[in-house]
C-alpha cells in the first residue's frame, strides 16, 4: 500500500523527467526592414534570413515607380559576421509627358556585402556594426549604374527608458558619374516602441546629401510577428525637402531558418 501511494505521488515527476525536452527558444528576430536604416544585429552563425517586399513611390510630380520583389538574403557565417546579397528586383517606371504616359521597366542593380558586429550594448553601452558593400551593374534599361560602386554603412542602436529604442545608420557610397566619382552620404535616425503582442511601431527621419543639398523624408511603419521566425511589415513616408520622393508606401515579410 505504501509503495502504491509513493508511486502515485512520484508519477508526475517521473513522467516529466521522461518527456522530451522542448527545443530552446531561438534568439529574437531582428530585421533590416522596413525603413531606410539597418539594424546593428547579425543573424547568427548558420542562420539564413530572407527579407522581401515591394515599394510604390511617387518619385516626383511626373514619375511613379514600383519595385518588386525587393530582396535581402542574410547568411550568418560566424557569431559576429553575416554575408549579404540584395536587389530591388524588377522596376516599373511610369512617366507623365505632354504626349501621354511612357513606361520603362527592367532589372535593378544588385549588391553584395557583409555585416560585422563590433560592439554590444551590454558591454559598451551601444550596439555597433559596420556594413561594407559593393553595388554591381546588373540593371537594365538605364535603371541603375553602369559601374561597380563601393560603399559602407555604420549602424548603431541602444535601448531607452520605457521600452523605446533609438537607432541610426550612416551610409556612404562612391557613386560613378560620367567622368568622375563622388561620395554620397545618407543618414537615418529611427525611434521604435513595442505596442503589445510582439507588434512594434517606428518613426524615422532620413536625409540623403549631395553637396549642400538634402533630400529629406520622414517615414514610419509597423512590424507584426508571424511565429518566432517570421514577420510582416508595412511602411509609408513622404519627402519634406529637396530631391526626396514625394511619397511612398510598401509592405513585406521576413522568414528565418535557424541553425540547430
Protein backbone atom coordinates (compact mmCIF):
# COMPACT_ATOMS: atom_id res chain seq x y z
CA UNK A 1 0.00 0.00 0.00
CA UNK A 2 2.75 2.42 0.91
CA UNK A 3 4.56 1.60 -2.34
CA UNK A 4 1.37 2.28 -4.32
CA UNK A 5 0.88 5.66 -2.64
CA UNK A 6 4.53 6.54 -3.24
CA UNK A 7 4.22 5.64 -6.94
CA UNK A 8 1.12 7.84 -7.33
CA UNK A 9 2.89 10.78 -5.70
CA UNK A 10 6.02 10.41 -7.83
CA UNK A 11 4.33 9.66 -11.16
CA UNK A 12 4.07 13.28 -12.37
CA UNK A 13 7.78 13.86 -11.69
CA UNK A 14 8.73 10.60 -13.42
CA UNK A 15 6.65 11.50 -16.48
CA UNK A 16 8.19 14.97 -16.64
CA UNK A 17 11.67 13.51 -16.45
CA UNK A 18 10.94 11.08 -19.29
CA UNK A 19 9.22 13.62 -21.53
CA UNK A 20 11.38 15.01 -24.34
CA UNK A 21 12.75 18.44 -23.60
CA UNK A 22 11.24 21.34 -25.55
CA UNK A 23 13.61 22.86 -28.08
CA UNK A 24 15.22 26.02 -26.76
CA UNK A 25 13.68 29.27 -27.89
CA UNK A 26 15.59 30.95 -30.70
CA UNK A 27 17.04 34.44 -30.48
CA UNK A 28 14.81 37.43 -31.09
CA UNK A 29 14.08 38.04 -34.78
CA UNK A 30 15.76 41.33 -35.75
CA UNK A 31 15.32 42.52 -39.34
CA UNK A 32 16.74 45.19 -41.64
CA UNK A 33 13.33 46.17 -42.94
CA UNK A 34 11.24 48.24 -43.10
CA UNK A 35 12.78 51.71 -43.18
CA UNK A 36 15.94 53.22 -44.65
CA UNK A 37 18.26 52.29 -41.78
CA UNK A 38 19.90 48.97 -40.96
CA UNK A 39 19.81 47.11 -37.67
CA UNK A 40 23.04 46.71 -35.71
CA UNK A 41 22.40 42.96 -35.20
CA UNK A 42 23.69 39.99 -37.19
CA UNK A 43 21.60 36.87 -37.79
CA UNK A 44 23.93 34.43 -36.02
CA UNK A 45 26.09 31.53 -37.12
CA UNK A 46 24.35 29.12 -39.51
CA UNK A 47 21.16 31.19 -39.78
CA UNK A 48 19.59 32.12 -43.11
CA UNK A 49 17.20 35.08 -43.17
CA UNK A 50 15.25 36.25 -46.24
CA UNK A 51 13.69 39.72 -46.24
CA UNK A 52 11.48 40.74 -49.16
CA UNK A 53 8.76 43.20 -50.13
CA UNK A 54 7.66 45.89 -52.56
CA UNK A 55 7.57 49.70 -52.72
CA UNK A 56 5.29 52.04 -54.64
CA UNK A 57 6.55 55.60 -54.80
CA UNK A 58 5.77 58.90 -56.43
CA UNK A 59 9.31 59.96 -57.28
CA UNK A 60 8.38 63.47 -58.44
CA UNK A 61 5.42 65.24 -59.98
CA UNK A 62 5.77 63.25 -63.23
CA UNK A 63 7.16 59.81 -62.28
CA UNK A 64 5.67 56.88 -60.39
CA UNK A 65 7.70 53.73 -59.68
CA UNK A 66 7.09 50.21 -58.41
CA UNK A 67 9.94 47.97 -57.17
CA UNK A 68 9.31 44.27 -56.53
CA UNK A 69 10.31 41.82 -55.28
CA UNK A 70 12.89 43.64 -53.20
CA UNK A 71 15.15 41.00 -51.71
CA UNK A 72 17.79 40.82 -48.99
CA UNK A 73 19.37 37.44 -48.20
CA UNK A 74 21.43 37.29 -44.98
CA UNK A 75 23.61 34.28 -44.13
CA UNK A 76 25.37 34.02 -40.78
CA UNK A 77 28.89 32.62 -41.15
CA UNK A 78 30.07 33.43 -37.60
CA UNK A 79 28.62 34.77 -34.38
CA UNK A 80 29.55 38.34 -35.40
CA UNK A 81 29.63 38.10 -39.21
CA UNK A 82 27.00 37.71 -41.91
CA UNK A 83 27.17 37.79 -45.71
CA UNK A 84 24.51 39.66 -47.66
CA UNK A 85 23.07 39.80 -51.19
CA UNK A 86 20.33 42.27 -52.11
CA UNK A 87 18.48 43.83 -55.03
CA UNK A 88 15.34 45.90 -55.66
CA UNK A 89 14.23 43.29 -58.20
CA UNK A 90 12.04 44.39 -61.10
CA UNK A 91 11.42 48.14 -61.52
CA UNK A 92 8.47 49.63 -63.40
CA UNK A 93 8.55 53.39 -64.06
CA UNK A 94 5.66 55.42 -65.42
CA UNK A 95 6.39 58.98 -66.60
CA UNK A 96 3.80 61.60 -67.50
CA UNK A 97 4.81 63.56 -70.62
CA UNK A 98 2.96 66.05 -72.88
CA UNK A 99 2.40 63.16 -75.30
CA UNK A 100 0.99 60.87 -72.58
CA UNK A 101 2.37 58.18 -70.28
CA UNK A 102 5.62 56.38 -71.07
CA UNK A 103 6.69 53.11 -69.43
CA UNK A 104 10.18 51.87 -68.59
CA UNK A 105 10.85 48.55 -66.92
CA UNK A 106 13.80 46.34 -66.17
CA UNK A 107 16.09 44.91 -63.53
CA UNK A 108 17.73 46.83 -60.69
CA UNK A 109 21.36 46.81 -59.68
CA UNK A 110 22.38 44.13 -57.18
CA UNK A 111 24.53 44.49 -54.08
CA UNK A 112 26.87 42.13 -52.25
CA UNK A 113 28.35 42.82 -48.84
CA UNK A 114 28.74 41.83 -45.22
CA UNK A 115 27.79 42.96 -41.74
CA UNK A 116 30.27 42.80 -38.86
CA UNK A 117 29.11 43.28 -35.27
CA UNK A 118 31.71 45.38 -33.43
CA UNK A 119 30.15 46.40 -30.09
CA UNK A 120 27.42 45.10 -27.78
CA UNK A 121 25.19 47.39 -25.73
CA UNK A 122 25.56 45.18 -22.65
CA UNK A 123 29.32 45.85 -22.54
CA UNK A 124 29.88 49.08 -24.45
CA UNK A 125 26.58 50.90 -23.87
CA UNK A 126 25.74 50.78 -27.60
CA UNK A 127 25.32 48.21 -30.35
CA UNK A 128 27.55 48.96 -33.33
CA UNK A 129 28.03 47.24 -36.69
CA UNK A 130 29.76 48.10 -39.96
CA UNK A 131 28.49 47.02 -43.39
CA UNK A 132 30.89 47.18 -46.35
CA UNK A 133 29.23 46.57 -49.72
CA UNK A 134 29.68 46.70 -53.48
CA UNK A 135 26.94 47.68 -55.94
CA UNK A 136 27.02 45.57 -59.12
CA UNK A 137 25.93 46.94 -62.54
CA UNK A 138 23.19 44.39 -63.17
CA UNK A 139 20.43 46.88 -64.06
CA UNK A 140 18.81 47.07 -67.48
CA UNK A 141 17.31 49.96 -69.47
CA UNK A 142 19.25 52.62 -67.56
CA UNK A 143 17.60 51.79 -64.22
CA UNK A 144 20.92 51.67 -62.35
CA UNK A 145 24.60 52.42 -62.55
CA UNK A 146 26.89 51.13 -65.29
CA UNK A 147 29.78 50.81 -62.82
CA UNK A 148 30.89 48.90 -59.74
CA UNK A 149 30.24 51.29 -56.84
CA UNK A 150 31.66 50.58 -53.35
CA UNK A 151 30.30 51.89 -50.09
CA UNK A 152 29.89 51.23 -46.40
CA UNK A 153 27.32 51.70 -43.67
CA UNK A 154 27.69 52.15 -39.92
CA UNK A 155 24.67 51.12 -37.83
CA UNK A 156 24.26 51.90 -34.12
CA UNK A 157 21.45 51.32 -31.60
CA UNK A 158 20.69 51.44 -27.91
CA UNK A 159 17.69 50.97 -25.65
CA UNK A 160 15.95 53.89 -23.97
CA UNK A 161 13.71 54.08 -20.89
CA UNK A 162 10.05 52.98 -21.09
CA UNK A 163 10.68 50.43 -23.83
CA UNK A 164 11.82 52.79 -26.57
CA UNK A 165 14.74 52.04 -28.87
CA UNK A 166 16.92 54.52 -30.75
CA UNK A 167 18.93 53.60 -33.84
CA UNK A 168 20.81 55.33 -36.62
CA UNK A 169 22.62 54.49 -39.84
CA UNK A 170 25.29 56.34 -41.81
CA UNK A 171 25.55 55.27 -45.46
CA UNK A 172 28.49 56.49 -47.56
CA UNK A 173 28.79 55.41 -51.21
CA UNK A 174 31.16 56.21 -54.04
CA UNK A 175 28.84 56.78 -57.00
CA UNK A 176 30.10 56.93 -60.59
CA UNK A 177 29.30 59.90 -62.77
CA UNK A 178 30.01 60.46 -66.45
CA UNK A 179 33.64 61.40 -65.84
CA UNK A 180 34.33 61.11 -62.08
CA UNK A 181 33.25 59.56 -58.80
CA UNK A 182 31.58 61.40 -55.94
CA UNK A 183 30.87 60.29 -52.39
CA UNK A 184 27.22 60.48 -51.42
CA UNK A 185 26.05 60.43 -47.80
CA UNK A 186 22.79 59.33 -46.25
CA UNK A 187 21.85 59.48 -42.56
CA UNK A 188 18.76 57.98 -40.95
CA UNK A 189 17.59 58.10 -37.32
CA UNK A 190 14.75 55.92 -36.04
CA UNK A 191 12.74 55.63 -32.80
CA UNK A 192 10.75 52.45 -32.15
CA UNK A 193 8.48 51.05 -29.44
CA UNK A 194 6.51 47.86 -28.88
CA UNK A 195 2.72 48.26 -28.83
CA UNK A 196 1.81 44.81 -27.47
CA UNK A 197 1.70 41.21 -28.64
CA UNK A 198 5.07 41.50 -30.31
CA UNK A 199 3.81 44.27 -32.62
CA UNK A 200 6.13 47.28 -32.88
CA UNK A 201 5.92 50.70 -34.49
CA UNK A 202 8.64 53.10 -35.56
CA UNK A 203 9.19 56.60 -36.90
CA UNK A 204 12.22 57.65 -38.92
CA UNK A 205 13.91 60.72 -40.38
CA UNK A 206 16.20 60.23 -43.39
CA UNK A 207 18.44 62.62 -45.26
CA UNK A 208 20.42 61.97 -48.45
CA UNK A 209 23.09 64.59 -49.05
CA UNK A 210 24.60 65.65 -52.38
CA UNK A 211 26.86 68.62 -51.76
CA UNK A 212 24.94 71.07 -49.57
CA UNK A 213 21.50 69.84 -50.67
CA UNK A 214 19.46 67.40 -48.57
CA UNK A 215 16.78 65.12 -49.97
CA UNK A 216 14.98 64.68 -46.66
CA UNK A 217 11.99 62.49 -45.83
CA UNK A 218 10.03 61.16 -42.86
CA UNK A 219 8.54 57.69 -42.65
CA UNK A 220 7.01 55.22 -40.25
CA UNK A 221 5.61 51.74 -40.10
CA UNK A 222 4.50 48.70 -38.16
CA UNK A 223 6.00 45.21 -37.81
CA UNK A 224 3.90 42.17 -36.86
CA UNK A 225 5.48 38.86 -35.80
CA UNK A 226 4.46 35.62 -37.52
CA UNK A 227 5.53 32.97 -35.07
CA UNK A 228 9.12 33.03 -33.84
CA UNK A 229 10.76 33.11 -37.28
CA UNK A 230 8.60 35.38 -39.41
CA UNK A 231 7.47 38.98 -39.71
CA UNK A 232 5.02 41.06 -41.75
CA UNK A 233 5.52 44.80 -42.12
CA UNK A 234 4.03 47.91 -43.69
CA UNK A 235 5.61 51.33 -44.16
CA UNK A 236 4.73 54.75 -45.51
CA UNK A 237 6.57 58.04 -45.89
CA UNK A 238 6.85 61.35 -47.70
CA UNK A 239 9.51 63.79 -48.75
CA UNK A 240 9.79 67.02 -46.84
CA UNK A 241 12.74 68.76 -48.51
CA UNK A 242 14.88 68.73 -51.63
CA UNK A 243 15.06 65.83 -54.06
CA UNK A 244 13.38 63.21 -51.85
CA UNK A 245 10.48 61.24 -53.33
CA UNK A 246 7.07 62.88 -52.86
CA UNK A 247 5.57 59.84 -51.09
CA UNK A 248 5.94 56.09 -50.85
CA UNK A 249 4.20 53.04 -49.39
CA UNK A 250 5.46 49.49 -49.03
CA UNK A 251 4.93 46.11 -47.43
CA UNK A 252 6.96 42.97 -46.96
CA UNK A 253 7.71 39.89 -44.95
CA UNK A 254 10.68 38.09 -43.41
CA UNK A 255 11.37 34.39 -42.87
CA UNK A 256 14.26 32.83 -40.96
CA UNK A 257 15.80 29.36 -40.71
CA UNK A 258 17.80 28.88 -37.55
CA UNK A 259 20.84 26.65 -37.29
CA UNK A 260 20.09 23.78 -34.89
